[in-house]
N, C-alpha and C. Protein backbone atom coordinates (compact mmCIF):
# COMPACT_ATOMS: atom_id res chain seq x y z
N UNK A 1 121.19 92.69 95.91
CA UNK A 1 121.90 92.10 94.79
C UNK A 1 120.93 91.58 93.73
N UNK A 2 119.87 90.87 94.14
CA UNK A 2 118.95 90.33 93.15
C UNK A 2 118.24 91.44 92.41
N UNK A 3 118.02 92.60 93.06
CA UNK A 3 117.38 93.70 92.34
C UNK A 3 118.27 94.20 91.22
N UNK A 4 119.61 94.09 91.38
CA UNK A 4 120.53 94.50 90.32
C UNK A 4 120.39 93.59 89.11
N UNK A 5 120.20 92.31 89.34
CA UNK A 5 120.04 91.36 88.25
C UNK A 5 118.82 91.68 87.42
N UNK A 6 117.77 92.17 88.07
CA UNK A 6 116.55 92.51 87.35
C UNK A 6 116.62 93.94 86.83
N UNK A 7 117.16 94.87 87.61
CA UNK A 7 117.15 96.27 87.20
C UNK A 7 118.06 96.53 86.01
N UNK A 8 119.25 95.96 85.99
CA UNK A 8 120.22 96.27 84.94
C UNK A 8 119.65 96.07 83.53
N UNK A 9 119.02 94.95 83.24
CA UNK A 9 118.50 94.77 81.87
C UNK A 9 117.04 95.20 81.69
N UNK A 10 116.49 95.96 82.63
CA UNK A 10 115.09 96.37 82.59
C UNK A 10 115.02 97.88 82.42
N UNK A 11 114.12 98.39 81.60
CA UNK A 11 114.04 99.83 81.39
C UNK A 11 113.34 100.58 82.53
N UNK A 12 113.03 99.92 83.62
CA UNK A 12 112.31 100.58 84.71
C UNK A 12 113.20 101.35 85.65
N UNK A 13 112.59 102.23 86.42
CA UNK A 13 113.32 102.98 87.44
C UNK A 13 113.53 102.06 88.65
N UNK A 14 114.45 102.44 89.55
CA UNK A 14 114.63 101.61 90.76
C UNK A 14 113.32 101.43 91.53
N UNK A 15 112.53 102.49 91.66
CA UNK A 15 111.25 102.39 92.39
C UNK A 15 110.33 101.38 91.72
N UNK A 16 110.29 101.39 90.39
CA UNK A 16 109.42 100.46 89.66
C UNK A 16 109.88 99.02 89.87
N UNK A 17 111.17 98.79 89.83
CA UNK A 17 111.70 97.43 90.00
C UNK A 17 111.46 96.95 91.43
N UNK A 18 111.70 97.82 92.42
CA UNK A 18 111.52 97.41 93.80
C UNK A 18 110.06 97.16 94.17
N UNK A 19 109.13 97.63 93.35
CA UNK A 19 107.70 97.43 93.62
C UNK A 19 107.10 96.33 92.74
N UNK A 20 107.94 95.53 92.09
CA UNK A 20 107.41 94.41 91.29
C UNK A 20 106.72 93.41 92.21
N UNK A 21 105.62 92.86 91.71
CA UNK A 21 104.82 91.95 92.51
C UNK A 21 104.90 90.52 91.98
N UNK A 22 104.63 89.60 92.87
CA UNK A 22 104.55 88.17 92.52
C UNK A 22 103.61 88.01 91.31
N UNK A 23 103.99 87.18 90.37
CA UNK A 23 103.17 86.94 89.19
C UNK A 23 103.35 87.97 88.09
N UNK A 24 104.38 88.81 88.19
CA UNK A 24 104.55 89.90 87.21
C UNK A 24 105.14 89.44 85.88
N UNK A 25 105.70 88.24 85.83
CA UNK A 25 106.33 87.79 84.58
C UNK A 25 105.37 86.94 83.75
N UNK A 26 105.52 87.05 82.45
CA UNK A 26 104.72 86.24 81.53
C UNK A 26 105.55 85.99 80.27
N UNK A 27 105.11 85.05 79.49
CA UNK A 27 105.77 84.73 78.23
C UNK A 27 104.74 84.81 77.12
N UNK A 28 105.19 85.32 76.00
CA UNK A 28 104.33 85.45 74.83
C UNK A 28 105.01 84.71 73.68
N UNK A 29 104.39 83.62 73.21
CA UNK A 29 104.95 82.91 72.08
C UNK A 29 104.50 83.60 70.81
N UNK A 30 105.45 83.93 69.97
CA UNK A 30 105.16 84.67 68.75
C UNK A 30 104.96 83.71 67.58
N UNK A 31 104.40 84.23 66.50
CA UNK A 31 104.11 83.39 65.33
C UNK A 31 105.35 82.71 64.77
N UNK A 32 106.50 83.38 64.90
CA UNK A 32 107.73 82.80 64.34
C UNK A 32 108.37 81.78 65.29
N UNK A 33 107.70 81.47 66.42
CA UNK A 33 108.19 80.46 67.35
C UNK A 33 109.07 81.01 68.45
N UNK A 34 109.45 82.27 68.37
CA UNK A 34 110.26 82.85 69.43
C UNK A 34 109.37 83.20 70.63
N UNK A 35 109.99 83.32 71.77
CA UNK A 35 109.26 83.64 73.00
C UNK A 35 109.69 85.03 73.46
N UNK A 36 108.72 85.87 73.77
CA UNK A 36 108.98 87.19 74.31
C UNK A 36 108.67 87.13 75.81
N UNK A 37 109.66 87.49 76.62
CA UNK A 37 109.50 87.51 78.07
C UNK A 37 109.06 88.91 78.47
N UNK A 38 108.01 88.98 79.29
CA UNK A 38 107.41 90.27 79.65
C UNK A 38 107.32 90.41 81.16
N UNK A 39 107.45 91.64 81.64
CA UNK A 39 107.28 91.97 83.05
C UNK A 39 106.24 93.08 83.14
N UNK A 40 105.20 92.83 83.91
CA UNK A 40 104.18 93.85 84.14
C UNK A 40 104.43 94.45 85.52
N UNK A 41 104.59 95.75 85.55
CA UNK A 41 104.87 96.43 86.81
C UNK A 41 104.08 97.72 86.90
N UNK A 42 104.41 98.50 87.89
CA UNK A 42 103.75 99.78 88.11
C UNK A 42 104.66 100.91 87.64
N UNK A 43 104.05 102.03 87.30
CA UNK A 43 104.82 103.25 87.06
C UNK A 43 104.24 104.33 87.94
N UNK A 44 105.04 105.34 88.23
CA UNK A 44 104.68 106.33 89.24
C UNK A 44 104.70 107.76 88.73
N UNK A 45 105.57 108.04 87.79
CA UNK A 45 105.75 109.41 87.31
C UNK A 45 104.48 109.90 86.61
N UNK A 46 103.95 111.02 87.10
CA UNK A 46 102.78 111.63 86.48
C UNK A 46 101.47 110.92 86.73
N UNK A 47 101.44 109.97 87.66
CA UNK A 47 100.21 109.23 87.94
C UNK A 47 99.40 110.00 88.98
N UNK A 48 98.22 110.44 88.57
CA UNK A 48 97.36 111.23 89.46
C UNK A 48 95.92 110.73 89.38
N UNK A 49 95.13 111.13 90.37
CA UNK A 49 93.71 110.81 90.35
C UNK A 49 92.96 111.89 89.57
N UNK A 50 91.64 111.80 89.55
CA UNK A 50 90.81 112.73 88.77
C UNK A 50 90.98 114.18 89.21
N UNK A 51 91.38 114.37 90.46
CA UNK A 51 91.54 115.73 91.00
C UNK A 51 92.97 116.24 90.91
N UNK A 52 93.85 115.45 90.29
CA UNK A 52 95.23 115.88 90.12
C UNK A 52 96.16 115.53 91.27
N UNK A 53 95.68 114.76 92.24
CA UNK A 53 96.51 114.34 93.37
C UNK A 53 97.40 113.17 92.97
N UNK A 54 98.66 113.22 93.36
CA UNK A 54 99.59 112.14 93.08
C UNK A 54 99.13 110.86 93.77
N UNK A 55 99.19 109.76 93.03
CA UNK A 55 98.85 108.45 93.59
C UNK A 55 100.14 107.76 94.01
N UNK A 56 100.42 107.66 95.32
CA UNK A 56 101.68 107.08 95.76
C UNK A 56 101.88 105.62 95.35
N UNK A 57 100.80 104.90 95.12
CA UNK A 57 100.90 103.50 94.70
C UNK A 57 101.08 103.34 93.20
N UNK A 58 101.08 104.47 92.46
CA UNK A 58 101.21 104.41 91.02
C UNK A 58 100.06 103.68 90.37
N UNK A 59 100.31 103.17 89.19
CA UNK A 59 99.32 102.35 88.48
C UNK A 59 100.04 101.34 87.61
N UNK A 60 99.33 100.30 87.22
CA UNK A 60 99.92 99.26 86.36
C UNK A 60 100.30 99.90 85.02
N UNK A 61 101.51 99.61 84.57
CA UNK A 61 101.99 100.13 83.29
C UNK A 61 101.06 99.64 82.18
N UNK A 62 100.72 100.51 81.24
CA UNK A 62 99.86 100.07 80.13
C UNK A 62 100.55 99.04 79.23
N UNK A 63 101.85 99.12 79.13
CA UNK A 63 102.63 98.17 78.31
C UNK A 63 103.68 97.50 79.19
N UNK A 64 103.71 96.17 79.23
CA UNK A 64 104.76 95.50 80.00
C UNK A 64 106.13 95.75 79.37
N UNK A 65 107.18 95.56 80.19
CA UNK A 65 108.54 95.62 79.66
C UNK A 65 108.85 94.31 78.98
N UNK A 66 109.61 94.36 77.91
CA UNK A 66 110.16 93.16 77.30
C UNK A 66 111.55 92.98 77.90
N UNK A 67 111.80 91.79 78.46
CA UNK A 67 113.05 91.52 79.17
C UNK A 67 113.69 90.25 78.64
N UNK A 68 114.89 89.98 79.11
CA UNK A 68 115.60 88.77 78.69
C UNK A 68 115.08 87.56 79.47
N UNK A 69 115.41 86.40 78.97
CA UNK A 69 115.03 85.16 79.66
C UNK A 69 115.68 85.11 81.05
N UNK A 70 116.88 85.65 81.19
CA UNK A 70 117.56 85.67 82.48
C UNK A 70 116.75 86.45 83.52
N UNK A 71 116.20 87.58 83.13
CA UNK A 71 115.36 88.36 84.05
C UNK A 71 114.11 87.56 84.42
N UNK A 72 113.49 86.92 83.45
CA UNK A 72 112.31 86.10 83.71
C UNK A 72 112.63 84.99 84.72
N UNK A 73 113.77 84.34 84.54
CA UNK A 73 114.17 83.29 85.48
C UNK A 73 114.45 83.84 86.87
N UNK A 74 115.07 85.01 86.94
CA UNK A 74 115.36 85.63 88.24
C UNK A 74 114.06 85.93 88.99
N UNK A 75 113.05 86.42 88.28
CA UNK A 75 111.76 86.69 88.91
C UNK A 75 111.16 85.40 89.46
N UNK A 76 111.21 84.34 88.69
CA UNK A 76 110.64 83.06 89.13
C UNK A 76 111.39 82.52 90.37
N UNK A 77 112.69 82.71 90.42
CA UNK A 77 113.46 82.28 91.59
C UNK A 77 113.07 83.11 92.81
N UNK A 78 112.97 84.42 92.64
CA UNK A 78 112.56 85.28 93.76
C UNK A 78 111.20 84.87 94.30
N UNK A 79 110.30 84.48 93.43
CA UNK A 79 108.96 84.06 93.87
C UNK A 79 109.01 82.80 94.73
N UNK A 80 110.06 81.99 94.55
CA UNK A 80 110.19 80.76 95.34
C UNK A 80 110.86 80.99 96.69
N UNK A 81 111.49 82.15 96.88
CA UNK A 81 112.24 82.41 98.10
C UNK A 81 111.39 82.85 99.28
N UNK A 82 110.19 83.38 99.01
CA UNK A 82 109.34 83.87 100.09
C UNK A 82 107.90 83.95 99.58
N UNK A 83 106.99 84.29 100.47
CA UNK A 83 105.56 84.35 100.12
C UNK A 83 105.01 85.77 100.08
N UNK A 84 105.85 86.78 100.22
CA UNK A 84 105.37 88.16 100.20
C UNK A 84 104.83 88.54 98.83
N UNK A 85 103.97 89.55 98.81
CA UNK A 85 103.39 90.04 97.56
C UNK A 85 104.46 90.70 96.68
N UNK A 86 105.33 91.51 97.30
CA UNK A 86 106.40 92.18 96.55
C UNK A 86 107.58 91.25 96.38
N UNK A 87 108.24 91.29 95.22
CA UNK A 87 109.42 90.46 95.01
C UNK A 87 110.56 90.88 95.91
N UNK A 88 110.63 92.18 96.22
CA UNK A 88 111.66 92.71 97.09
C UNK A 88 111.01 93.29 98.35
N UNK A 89 110.62 92.43 99.29
CA UNK A 89 109.92 92.93 100.47
C UNK A 89 110.84 93.79 101.33
N UNK A 90 110.26 94.77 101.97
CA UNK A 90 111.03 95.64 102.87
C UNK A 90 111.38 94.92 104.15
N UNK A 91 112.16 95.60 104.96
CA UNK A 91 112.59 94.99 106.24
C UNK A 91 111.45 94.76 107.20
């Protein structure tokens, strides 16, 4: 259920959202005083090593997603629920 709260307003794929890590959210205060909420995650499509082999762990996205304040708050709550590295730890 919590992954739906984050996935719905996020441009990432389900795999990208499920692999979000603790500390992935940040805020950027802009010159006009508004705050931009950002999520840094991994992407997987087309990620290969120097020899063309697919990297199953993907790589950090070059540009974070811009998300709503609600998504930012959801991430912070998830971080308080457990100590795992991934926000959505497996079974």
